[in-house]
N, C-alpha and C. Protein backbone atom coordinates (compact mmCIF):
# COMPACT_ATOMS: atom_id res chain seq x y z
N UNK A 1 102.11 93.11 74.05
CA UNK A 1 101.14 93.66 74.99
C UNK A 1 101.74 93.70 76.38
N UNK A 2 101.60 94.85 77.03
CA UNK A 2 102.25 95.03 78.31
C UNK A 2 101.29 95.19 79.47
N UNK A 3 99.99 95.34 79.20
CA UNK A 3 99.06 95.58 80.30
C UNK A 3 97.68 95.06 79.96
N UNK A 4 96.77 95.40 80.82
CA UNK A 4 95.38 95.02 80.61
C UNK A 4 94.66 96.14 79.87
N UNK A 5 93.84 95.75 78.91
CA UNK A 5 92.97 96.70 78.21
C UNK A 5 91.52 96.37 78.53
N UNK A 6 90.82 97.33 79.10
CA UNK A 6 89.39 97.20 79.37
C UNK A 6 88.65 97.95 78.27
N UNK A 7 87.82 97.23 77.52
CA UNK A 7 87.16 97.80 76.35
C UNK A 7 85.65 97.68 76.52
N UNK A 8 84.94 98.79 76.31
CA UNK A 8 83.48 98.78 76.29
C UNK A 8 83.06 98.99 74.84
N UNK A 9 82.22 98.08 74.33
CA UNK A 9 81.71 98.17 72.97
C UNK A 9 80.20 98.29 73.09
N UNK A 10 79.59 99.29 72.45
CA UNK A 10 78.17 99.52 72.64
C UNK A 10 77.50 100.05 71.38
N UNK A 11 76.23 99.70 71.22
CA UNK A 11 75.44 100.17 70.10
C UNK A 11 74.06 99.54 70.12
N UNK A 12 73.36 99.63 69.00
CA UNK A 12 72.07 98.97 68.86
C UNK A 12 72.29 97.51 68.50
N UNK A 13 71.36 96.64 68.89
CA UNK A 13 71.40 95.26 68.43
C UNK A 13 71.37 95.24 66.91
N UNK A 14 72.15 94.36 66.32
CA UNK A 14 72.21 94.27 64.86
C UNK A 14 73.37 95.04 64.25
N UNK A 15 74.10 95.82 65.06
CA UNK A 15 75.25 96.57 64.53
C UNK A 15 76.55 95.79 64.64
N UNK A 16 76.52 94.57 65.14
CA UNK A 16 77.73 93.77 65.24
C UNK A 16 78.55 94.03 66.48
N UNK A 17 77.91 94.59 67.50
CA UNK A 17 78.59 94.91 68.75
C UNK A 17 79.17 93.64 69.39
N UNK A 18 78.36 92.60 69.48
CA UNK A 18 78.80 91.38 70.15
C UNK A 18 79.89 90.67 69.37
N UNK A 19 79.77 90.65 68.05
CA UNK A 19 80.81 90.03 67.24
C UNK A 19 82.13 90.78 67.43
N UNK A 20 82.08 92.10 67.47
CA UNK A 20 83.28 92.91 67.69
C UNK A 20 83.96 92.48 68.98
N UNK A 21 83.20 92.39 70.05
CA UNK A 21 83.75 92.01 71.35
C UNK A 21 84.29 90.59 71.36
N UNK A 22 83.55 89.68 70.75
CA UNK A 22 83.99 88.28 70.71
C UNK A 22 85.28 88.13 69.91
N UNK A 23 85.40 88.83 68.81
CA UNK A 23 86.62 88.74 68.01
C UNK A 23 87.82 89.19 68.84
N UNK A 24 87.66 90.26 69.61
CA UNK A 24 88.77 90.70 70.47
C UNK A 24 89.12 89.65 71.51
N UNK A 25 88.12 89.12 72.20
CA UNK A 25 88.38 88.13 73.26
C UNK A 25 88.99 86.85 72.70
N UNK A 26 88.46 86.35 71.59
CA UNK A 26 89.00 85.13 70.99
C UNK A 26 90.41 85.34 70.44
N UNK A 27 90.67 86.55 69.94
CA UNK A 27 92.02 86.86 69.45
C UNK A 27 93.02 86.83 70.58
N UNK A 28 92.61 87.29 71.76
CA UNK A 28 93.50 87.23 72.92
C UNK A 28 93.88 85.79 73.22
N UNK A 29 92.89 84.93 73.22
CA UNK A 29 93.14 83.51 73.50
C UNK A 29 94.07 82.90 72.46
N UNK A 30 93.82 83.24 71.18
CA UNK A 30 94.68 82.71 70.12
C UNK A 30 96.13 83.14 70.30
N UNK A 31 96.33 84.37 70.77
CA UNK A 31 97.68 84.89 70.98
C UNK A 31 98.23 84.55 72.36
N UNK A 32 97.61 83.59 73.02
CA UNK A 32 98.04 83.11 74.35
C UNK A 32 98.04 84.20 75.41
N UNK A 33 97.06 85.09 75.30
CA UNK A 33 96.79 86.09 76.32
C UNK A 33 95.51 85.67 77.04
N UNK A 34 95.13 86.44 78.02
CA UNK A 34 93.87 86.20 78.69
C UNK A 34 92.84 87.12 78.07
N UNK A 35 91.67 86.57 77.75
CA UNK A 35 90.62 87.36 77.14
C UNK A 35 89.27 87.00 77.75
N UNK A 36 88.45 88.02 77.98
CA UNK A 36 87.14 87.79 78.55
C UNK A 36 86.13 88.68 77.84
N UNK A 37 84.99 88.13 77.49
CA UNK A 37 83.90 88.84 76.83
C UNK A 37 82.67 88.69 77.68
N UNK A 38 82.05 89.81 78.06
CA UNK A 38 80.89 89.79 78.94
C UNK A 38 79.77 90.62 78.29
N UNK A 39 78.73 89.94 77.74
CA UNK A 39 77.68 90.67 77.01
C UNK A 39 76.59 91.23 77.92
N UNK A 40 75.92 92.26 77.42
CA UNK A 40 74.75 92.83 78.09
C UNK A 40 73.77 93.27 77.02
N UNK A 41 72.55 92.75 77.10
CA UNK A 41 71.53 93.04 76.08
C UNK A 41 70.39 93.82 76.68
N UNK A 42 69.75 94.66 75.84
CA UNK A 42 68.51 95.30 76.22
C UNK A 42 67.36 94.32 76.02
N UNK A 43 66.12 94.77 76.16
CA UNK A 43 64.98 93.87 76.05
C UNK A 43 64.78 93.28 74.65
N UNK A 44 65.25 93.99 73.62
CA UNK A 44 65.15 93.47 72.26
C UNK A 44 66.55 93.08 71.79
N UNK A 45 66.62 92.24 70.79
CA UNK A 45 67.93 91.90 70.24
C UNK A 45 68.26 92.88 69.12
N UNK A 46 67.62 92.76 67.99
CA UNK A 46 67.90 93.66 66.88
C UNK A 46 67.15 94.97 67.09
N UNK A 47 67.90 96.06 67.15
CA UNK A 47 67.30 97.37 67.34
C UNK A 47 67.31 97.83 68.79
N UNK A 48 67.42 96.93 69.74
CA UNK A 48 67.52 97.30 71.15
C UNK A 48 68.96 97.64 71.49
N UNK A 49 69.20 97.99 72.72
CA UNK A 49 70.56 98.32 73.12
C UNK A 49 71.36 97.06 73.38
N UNK A 50 72.62 97.14 73.08
CA UNK A 50 73.53 96.02 73.32
C UNK A 50 74.90 96.59 73.65
N UNK A 51 75.55 96.00 74.62
CA UNK A 51 76.93 96.37 74.88
C UNK A 51 77.66 95.18 75.46
N UNK A 52 78.94 95.23 75.38
CA UNK A 52 79.74 94.17 75.98
C UNK A 52 81.02 94.78 76.54
N UNK A 53 81.52 94.11 77.54
CA UNK A 53 82.80 94.46 78.14
C UNK A 53 83.80 93.41 77.70
N UNK A 54 84.97 93.84 77.30
CA UNK A 54 86.03 92.94 76.88
C UNK A 54 87.28 93.30 77.68
N UNK A 55 87.92 92.28 78.20
CA UNK A 55 89.19 92.48 78.88
C UNK A 55 90.23 91.63 78.16
N UNK A 56 91.33 92.26 77.79
CA UNK A 56 92.46 91.57 77.19
C UNK A 56 93.66 91.87 78.08
N UNK A 57 94.34 90.81 78.53
CA UNK A 57 95.41 91.02 79.49
C UNK A 57 96.51 90.00 79.32
N UNK A 58 97.71 90.38 79.75
CA UNK A 58 98.79 89.42 79.81
C UNK A 58 98.83 88.72 81.17
N UNK A 59 97.90 89.10 82.05
CA UNK A 59 97.78 88.48 83.37
C UNK A 59 96.40 87.85 83.51
N UNK A 60 96.26 86.95 84.43
CA UNK A 60 94.98 86.31 84.70
C UNK A 60 93.93 87.36 85.05
N UNK A 61 92.72 87.18 84.55
CA UNK A 61 91.61 88.11 84.80
C UNK A 61 90.77 87.54 85.93
N UNK A 62 90.60 88.30 86.99
CA UNK A 62 89.88 87.81 88.16
C UNK A 62 88.42 88.20 88.20
N UNK A 63 88.02 89.18 87.40
CA UNK A 63 86.63 89.63 87.41
C UNK A 63 86.26 90.19 86.05
N UNK A 64 85.03 89.94 85.59
CA UNK A 64 84.60 90.50 84.31
C UNK A 64 84.14 91.96 84.42
N UNK A 65 84.19 92.51 85.62
CA UNK A 65 83.67 93.85 85.86
C UNK A 65 84.81 94.86 85.97
N UNK A 66 84.64 96.00 85.32
CA UNK A 66 85.57 97.11 85.52
C UNK A 66 84.76 98.39 85.60
N UNK A 67 85.27 99.33 86.39
CA UNK A 67 84.55 100.59 86.61
C UNK A 67 84.63 101.49 85.38
N UNK A 68 85.83 101.70 84.90
CA UNK A 68 86.05 102.57 83.74
C UNK A 68 86.79 101.80 82.65
N UNK A 69 86.49 102.16 81.42
CA UNK A 69 87.12 101.51 80.27
C UNK A 69 88.36 102.29 79.84
N UNK A 70 89.32 101.58 79.30
CA UNK A 70 90.45 102.23 78.64
C UNK A 70 90.03 102.71 77.26
N UNK A 71 89.15 101.92 76.64
CA UNK A 71 88.69 102.21 75.28
C UNK A 71 87.18 102.06 75.22
N UNK A 72 86.52 102.99 74.54
CA UNK A 72 85.09 102.91 74.25
C UNK A 72 84.92 102.89 72.74
N UNK A 73 84.16 101.91 72.27
CA UNK A 73 83.79 101.83 70.86
C UNK A 73 82.27 101.99 70.82
N UNK A 74 81.80 103.14 70.34
CA UNK A 74 80.37 103.47 70.36
C UNK A 74 79.83 103.51 68.94
N UNK A 75 78.83 102.66 68.68
CA UNK A 75 78.24 102.58 67.35
C UNK A 75 77.05 103.51 67.16
N UNK A 76 76.57 104.16 68.23
CA UNK A 76 75.45 105.09 68.11
C UNK A 76 75.53 106.14 69.22
N UNK A 77 74.74 107.20 69.09
CA UNK A 77 74.78 108.30 70.04
C UNK A 77 74.33 107.91 71.45
N UNK A 78 73.23 107.14 71.62
CA UNK A 78 72.86 106.76 72.99
C UNK A 78 73.97 106.00 73.72
N UNK A 79 74.68 105.17 73.01
CA UNK A 79 75.78 104.42 73.62
C UNK A 79 76.94 105.34 73.99
N UNK A 80 77.25 106.27 73.10
CA UNK A 80 78.31 107.23 73.38
C UNK A 80 77.96 108.04 74.63
N UNK A 81 76.74 108.55 74.68
CA UNK A 81 76.32 109.36 75.82
C UNK A 81 76.32 108.56 77.12
N UNK A 82 75.94 107.31 77.06
CA UNK A 82 75.87 106.48 78.26
C UNK A 82 77.25 106.18 78.84
N UNK A 83 78.24 105.94 77.98
CA UNK A 83 79.53 105.44 78.45
C UNK A 83 80.70 106.42 78.35
N UNK A 84 80.52 107.55 77.72
CA UNK A 84 81.66 108.45 77.47
C UNK A 84 82.31 108.97 78.74
N UNK A 85 81.57 109.10 79.81
CA UNK A 85 82.14 109.61 81.07
C UNK A 85 82.83 108.50 81.87
N UNK A 86 82.80 107.27 81.32
CA UNK A 86 83.40 106.14 82.02
C UNK A 86 84.64 105.64 81.29
N UNK A 87 85.39 106.58 80.70
CA UNK A 87 86.63 106.24 80.00
C UNK A 87 87.79 106.87 80.77
N UNK A 88 88.81 106.07 81.00
CA UNK A 88 89.99 106.51 81.75
C UNK A 88 90.73 107.64 81.05
N UNK A 89 91.42 108.45 81.83
CA UNK A 89 92.31 109.48 81.30
C UNK A 89 93.33 108.81 80.37
N UNK A 90 93.67 109.46 79.29
CA UNK A 90 94.56 108.93 78.24
C UNK A 90 93.94 107.74 77.51
N UNK A 91 92.63 107.61 77.62
CA UNK A 91 91.92 106.53 76.94
C UNK A 91 91.58 106.89 75.51
N UNK A 92 90.73 106.07 74.92
CA UNK A 92 90.35 106.19 73.52
C UNK A 92 88.84 106.05 73.38
N UNK A 93 88.23 106.95 72.63
CA UNK A 93 86.83 106.81 72.24
C UNK A 93 86.79 106.79 70.72
N UNK A 94 86.33 105.68 70.18
CA UNK A 94 86.06 105.56 68.74
C UNK A 94 84.55 105.56 68.60
N UNK A 95 84.03 106.39 67.70
CA UNK A 95 82.59 106.44 67.54
C UNK A 95 82.20 106.46 66.07
N UNK A 96 80.98 106.06 65.81
CA UNK A 96 80.45 105.95 64.46
C UNK A 96 80.15 107.35 63.93
N UNK A 97 81.06 107.87 63.15
CA UNK A 97 80.91 109.21 62.57
C UNK A 97 79.83 109.30 61.52
N UNK A 98 79.30 108.17 61.07
CA UNK A 98 78.18 108.19 60.12
C UNK A 98 76.88 108.55 60.83
N UNK A 99 76.76 108.17 62.10
CA UNK A 99 75.54 108.42 62.86
C UNK A 99 75.70 109.56 63.88
N UNK A 100 76.91 109.82 64.30
CA UNK A 100 77.18 110.86 65.29
C UNK A 100 77.93 111.97 64.56
N UNK A 101 77.20 113.01 64.21
CA UNK A 101 77.75 114.05 63.34
C UNK A 101 78.58 115.10 64.08
N UNK A 102 78.29 115.34 65.35
CA UNK A 102 79.05 116.34 66.10
C UNK A 102 80.42 115.80 66.47
N UNK A 103 81.41 116.70 66.50
CA UNK A 103 82.74 116.30 66.98
C UNK A 103 82.65 116.00 68.46
N UNK A 104 83.21 114.90 68.86
CA UNK A 104 83.22 114.50 70.26
C UNK A 104 84.56 114.90 70.86
N UNK A 105 84.51 115.56 71.99
CA UNK A 105 85.73 115.98 72.67
C UNK A 105 85.60 115.64 74.15
N UNK A 106 86.65 115.07 74.68
CA UNK A 106 86.77 114.79 76.11
C UNK A 106 88.19 115.14 76.51
N UNK A 107 88.35 115.75 77.66
CA UNK A 107 89.69 116.11 78.14
C UNK A 107 90.54 114.86 78.33
N UNK A 108 91.76 114.91 77.83
CA UNK A 108 92.75 113.84 78.01
C UNK A 108 92.31 112.48 77.47
N UNK A 109 91.43 112.48 76.47
CA UNK A 109 90.98 111.25 75.81
C UNK A 109 91.02 111.48 74.31
N UNK A 110 91.61 110.55 73.58
CA UNK A 110 91.62 110.63 72.12
C UNK A 110 90.25 110.21 71.61
N UNK A 111 89.57 111.12 70.90
CA UNK A 111 88.23 110.86 70.36
C UNK A 111 88.28 110.93 68.84
N UNK A 112 87.85 109.86 68.19
CA UNK A 112 87.89 109.82 66.73
C UNK A 112 86.57 109.27 66.20
N UNK A 113 85.97 110.04 65.31
CA UNK A 113 84.78 109.59 64.60
C UNK A 113 85.18 108.89 63.32
N UNK A 114 84.69 107.69 63.14
CA UNK A 114 84.99 106.91 61.93
C UNK A 114 83.66 106.70 61.19
N UNK A 115 83.53 107.14 59.95
CA UNK A 115 82.27 106.99 59.21
C UNK A 115 82.06 105.55 58.74
N UNK A 116 81.86 104.66 59.70
CA UNK A 116 81.85 103.22 59.40
C UNK A 116 80.71 102.81 58.49
N UNK A 117 79.53 103.40 58.67
CA UNK A 117 78.41 103.04 57.79
C UNK A 117 78.68 103.47 56.36
N UNK A 118 79.24 104.67 56.19
CA UNK A 118 79.54 105.18 54.85
C UNK A 118 80.59 104.30 54.16
N UNK A 119 81.62 103.95 54.90
CA UNK A 119 82.69 103.10 54.33
C UNK A 119 82.14 101.73 53.98
N UNK A 120 81.32 101.16 54.88
CA UNK A 120 80.72 99.84 54.62
C UNK A 120 79.79 99.90 53.40
N UNK A 121 79.02 100.98 53.27
CA UNK A 121 78.15 101.14 52.10
C UNK A 121 78.97 101.20 50.82
N UNK A 122 80.11 101.88 50.87
CA UNK A 122 80.99 101.95 49.70
C UNK A 122 81.51 100.56 49.32
N UNK A 123 81.65 99.69 50.31
CA UNK A 123 82.08 98.31 50.05
C UNK A 123 80.92 97.44 49.55
N UNK A 124 79.70 97.96 49.68
CA UNK A 124 78.53 97.23 49.18
C UNK A 124 77.79 96.42 50.23
N UNK A 125 78.14 96.57 51.51
CA UNK A 125 77.45 95.79 52.55
C UNK A 125 77.56 96.53 53.89
N UNK A 126 76.48 97.21 54.28
CA UNK A 126 76.49 97.98 55.52
C UNK A 126 76.72 97.10 56.75
N UNK A 127 76.49 95.80 56.62
CA UNK A 127 76.66 94.90 57.77
C UNK A 127 78.11 94.69 58.17
N UNK A 128 79.07 95.18 57.37
CA UNK A 128 80.48 95.06 57.77
C UNK A 128 80.99 96.34 58.43
N UNK A 129 80.07 97.23 58.81
CA UNK A 129 80.47 98.46 59.49
C UNK A 129 81.26 98.16 60.77
N UNK A 130 80.88 97.09 61.45
CA UNK A 130 81.61 96.72 62.68
C UNK A 130 83.05 96.34 62.37
N UNK A 131 83.30 95.74 61.23
CA UNK A 131 84.66 95.37 60.87
C UNK A 131 85.47 96.57 60.37
N UNK A 132 84.80 97.57 59.83
CA UNK A 132 85.48 98.83 59.52
C UNK A 132 85.98 99.43 60.84
N UNK A 133 85.10 99.43 61.84
CA UNK A 133 85.48 99.94 63.17
C UNK A 133 86.59 99.09 63.77
N UNK A 134 86.53 97.77 63.56
CA UNK A 134 87.59 96.89 64.06
C UNK A 134 88.94 97.29 63.46
N UNK A 135 88.96 97.55 62.18
CA UNK A 135 90.20 97.96 61.53
C UNK A 135 90.75 99.25 62.12
N UNK A 136 89.86 100.22 62.33
CA UNK A 136 90.29 101.49 62.93
C UNK A 136 90.83 101.24 64.34
N UNK A 137 90.13 100.42 65.10
CA UNK A 137 90.55 100.12 66.47
C UNK A 137 91.93 99.43 66.49
N UNK A 138 92.10 98.46 65.62
CA UNK A 138 93.36 97.73 65.58
C UNK A 138 94.52 98.61 65.11
N UNK A 139 94.26 99.50 64.18
CA UNK A 139 95.31 100.41 63.71
C UNK A 139 95.77 101.33 64.84
N UNK A 140 94.84 101.74 65.67
CA UNK A 140 95.19 102.63 66.79
C UNK A 140 95.86 101.89 67.94
N UNK A 141 95.35 100.72 68.28
CA UNK A 141 95.83 100.02 69.49
C UNK A 141 96.94 99.03 69.21
N UNK A 142 97.06 98.56 67.97
CA UNK A 142 98.05 97.53 67.60
C UNK A 142 97.90 96.28 68.48
N UNK A 143 96.68 96.00 68.92
CA UNK A 143 96.42 94.92 69.87
C UNK A 143 96.69 93.54 69.26
N UNK A 144 96.27 93.33 68.01
CA UNK A 144 96.44 92.01 67.37
C UNK A 144 96.91 92.16 65.93
N UNK A 145 97.57 91.12 65.43
CA UNK A 145 98.04 91.12 64.05
C UNK A 145 96.90 90.81 63.09
N UNK A 146 97.11 91.15 61.83
CA UNK A 146 96.13 90.83 60.79
C UNK A 146 95.88 89.33 60.72
N UNK A 147 96.94 88.54 60.88
CA UNK A 147 96.82 87.08 60.79
C UNK A 147 95.93 86.54 61.90
N UNK A 148 96.10 87.05 63.10
CA UNK A 148 95.27 86.61 64.22
C UNK A 148 93.82 86.96 63.98
N UNK A 149 93.55 88.19 63.59
CA UNK A 149 92.17 88.63 63.37
C UNK A 149 91.52 87.83 62.24
N UNK A 150 92.25 87.61 61.16
CA UNK A 150 91.68 86.85 60.04
C UNK A 150 91.35 85.43 60.46
N UNK A 151 92.22 84.80 61.22
CA UNK A 151 91.96 83.43 61.69
C UNK A 151 90.72 83.38 62.56
N UNK A 152 90.54 84.35 63.43
CA UNK A 152 89.38 84.36 64.33
C UNK A 152 88.10 84.64 63.55
N UNK A 153 88.14 85.59 62.63
CA UNK A 153 86.94 85.89 61.84
C UNK A 153 86.56 84.69 60.98
N UNK A 154 87.55 84.04 60.42
CA UNK A 154 87.29 82.84 59.61
C UNK A 154 86.60 81.78 60.46
N UNK A 155 87.10 81.58 61.67
CA UNK A 155 86.49 80.60 62.57
C UNK A 155 85.09 81.05 63.00
N UNK A 156 84.94 82.33 63.26
CA UNK A 156 83.66 82.88 63.69
C UNK A 156 82.60 82.70 62.60
N UNK A 157 82.96 82.95 61.34
CA UNK A 157 82.02 82.82 60.23
C UNK A 157 81.68 81.37 59.92
N UNK A 158 82.65 80.49 60.11
CA UNK A 158 82.43 79.07 59.81
C UNK A 158 82.28 78.81 58.33
N UNK A 159 82.03 77.56 58.00
CA UNK A 159 81.88 77.17 56.59
C UNK A 159 80.64 77.78 55.97
N UNK A 160 79.59 77.91 56.77
CA UNK A 160 78.31 78.40 56.25
C UNK A 160 78.40 79.83 55.72
N UNK A 161 79.24 80.65 56.33
CA UNK A 161 79.38 82.05 55.92
C UNK A 161 80.80 82.37 55.43
N UNK A 162 81.51 81.36 54.99
CA UNK A 162 82.90 81.53 54.55
C UNK A 162 83.03 82.55 53.42
N UNK A 163 81.99 82.70 52.61
CA UNK A 163 82.02 83.65 51.51
C UNK A 163 82.08 85.10 51.98
N UNK A 164 81.82 85.35 53.27
CA UNK A 164 81.85 86.71 53.81
C UNK A 164 83.22 87.11 54.36
N UNK A 165 84.16 86.17 54.38
CA UNK A 165 85.48 86.47 54.92
C UNK A 165 86.16 87.60 54.14
N UNK A 166 86.11 87.54 52.82
CA UNK A 166 86.80 88.52 51.99
C UNK A 166 86.29 89.94 52.26
N UNK A 167 84.99 90.13 52.30
CA UNK A 167 84.46 91.49 52.51
C UNK A 167 84.74 91.97 53.93
N UNK A 168 84.74 91.08 54.90
CA UNK A 168 85.08 91.46 56.27
C UNK A 168 86.54 91.92 56.36
N UNK A 169 87.43 91.22 55.69
CA UNK A 169 88.84 91.61 55.71
C UNK A 169 89.06 92.93 54.94
N UNK A 170 88.32 93.13 53.86
CA UNK A 170 88.40 94.41 53.14
C UNK A 170 87.91 95.54 54.03
N UNK A 171 86.86 95.28 54.81
CA UNK A 171 86.33 96.30 55.72
C UNK A 171 87.38 96.67 56.77
N UNK A 172 88.06 95.67 57.29
CA UNK A 172 89.12 95.94 58.28
C UNK A 172 90.22 96.79 57.65
N UNK A 173 90.61 96.47 56.45
CA UNK A 173 91.64 97.26 55.77
C UNK A 173 91.20 98.70 55.54
N UNK A 174 89.93 98.90 55.19
CA UNK A 174 89.41 100.26 54.99
C UNK A 174 89.43 101.05 56.30
N UNK A 175 89.09 100.39 57.41
CA UNK A 175 89.14 101.06 58.71
C UNK A 175 90.56 101.45 59.08
N UNK A 176 91.51 100.55 58.82
CA UNK A 176 92.92 100.85 59.08
C UNK A 176 93.38 102.02 58.21
N UNK A 177 93.00 102.00 56.94
CA UNK A 177 93.41 103.06 56.02
C UNK A 177 92.85 104.41 56.45
N UNK A 178 91.63 104.42 56.98
CA UNK A 178 91.04 105.67 57.45
C UNK A 178 91.91 106.30 58.55
N UNK A 179 92.33 105.48 59.50
CA UNK A 179 93.17 105.97 60.60
C UNK A 179 94.55 106.39 60.08
N UNK A 180 95.13 105.60 59.19
CA UNK A 180 96.43 105.97 58.61
C UNK A 180 96.36 107.31 57.92
N UNK A 181 95.26 107.54 57.19
CA UNK A 181 95.09 108.81 56.48
C UNK A 181 94.97 109.99 57.45
N UNK A 182 94.45 109.75 58.65
CA UNK A 182 94.37 110.81 59.66
C UNK A 182 95.74 111.13 60.24
N UNK A 183 96.64 110.16 60.19
CA UNK A 183 97.98 110.35 60.75
C UNK A 183 98.01 110.38 62.27
N UNK A 184 97.07 109.69 62.89
CA UNK A 184 96.95 109.67 64.36
C UNK A 184 97.67 108.45 64.92
N UNK A 185 98.45 108.66 65.97
CA UNK A 185 99.09 107.55 66.69
C UNK A 185 98.54 107.48 68.10
N UNK A 186 98.30 106.28 68.58
CA UNK A 186 97.78 106.10 69.93
C UNK A 186 98.59 105.09 70.73
N UNK A 187 98.87 103.95 70.13
CA UNK A 187 99.49 102.84 70.87
C UNK A 187 100.82 103.18 71.47
């Protein structure tokens, strides 16, 4: 890693937005980088709006606030519409192609729709849609290794939900495979 990545992750409560952001921030710490996760919730938890800002850097982070994101991960259309104009030139927008059917285009920004709900349903658990998106994100950015992500997810799930580790890792692999099949390079 050579610079700071400012990431905005947004969607409805219950889509795994916060877990996505936390996994990125904790992975930074595990890899001896600086990581910061800053959540923002709407009035409801499940079904309301939720977003978080994540900063991953090889330098000390002095503020949790950034004006524009390098990367936007949007799990629904309202989130995409709210944040799409706040992505830096040469940035990345990943969006949930299962819920956002129109092709998204922005000048000088790589925009990719990933059918995360469809892929998660094929795996038998729609709740791992966020990890499908994580796989797509990691394949594009090369931010963290599989070993780092697996260790963080294992810790995040704990003993109580340890049985979910396998399906989460399969979801990540499916997200990576989707991007590989597109033949898109970003990092």
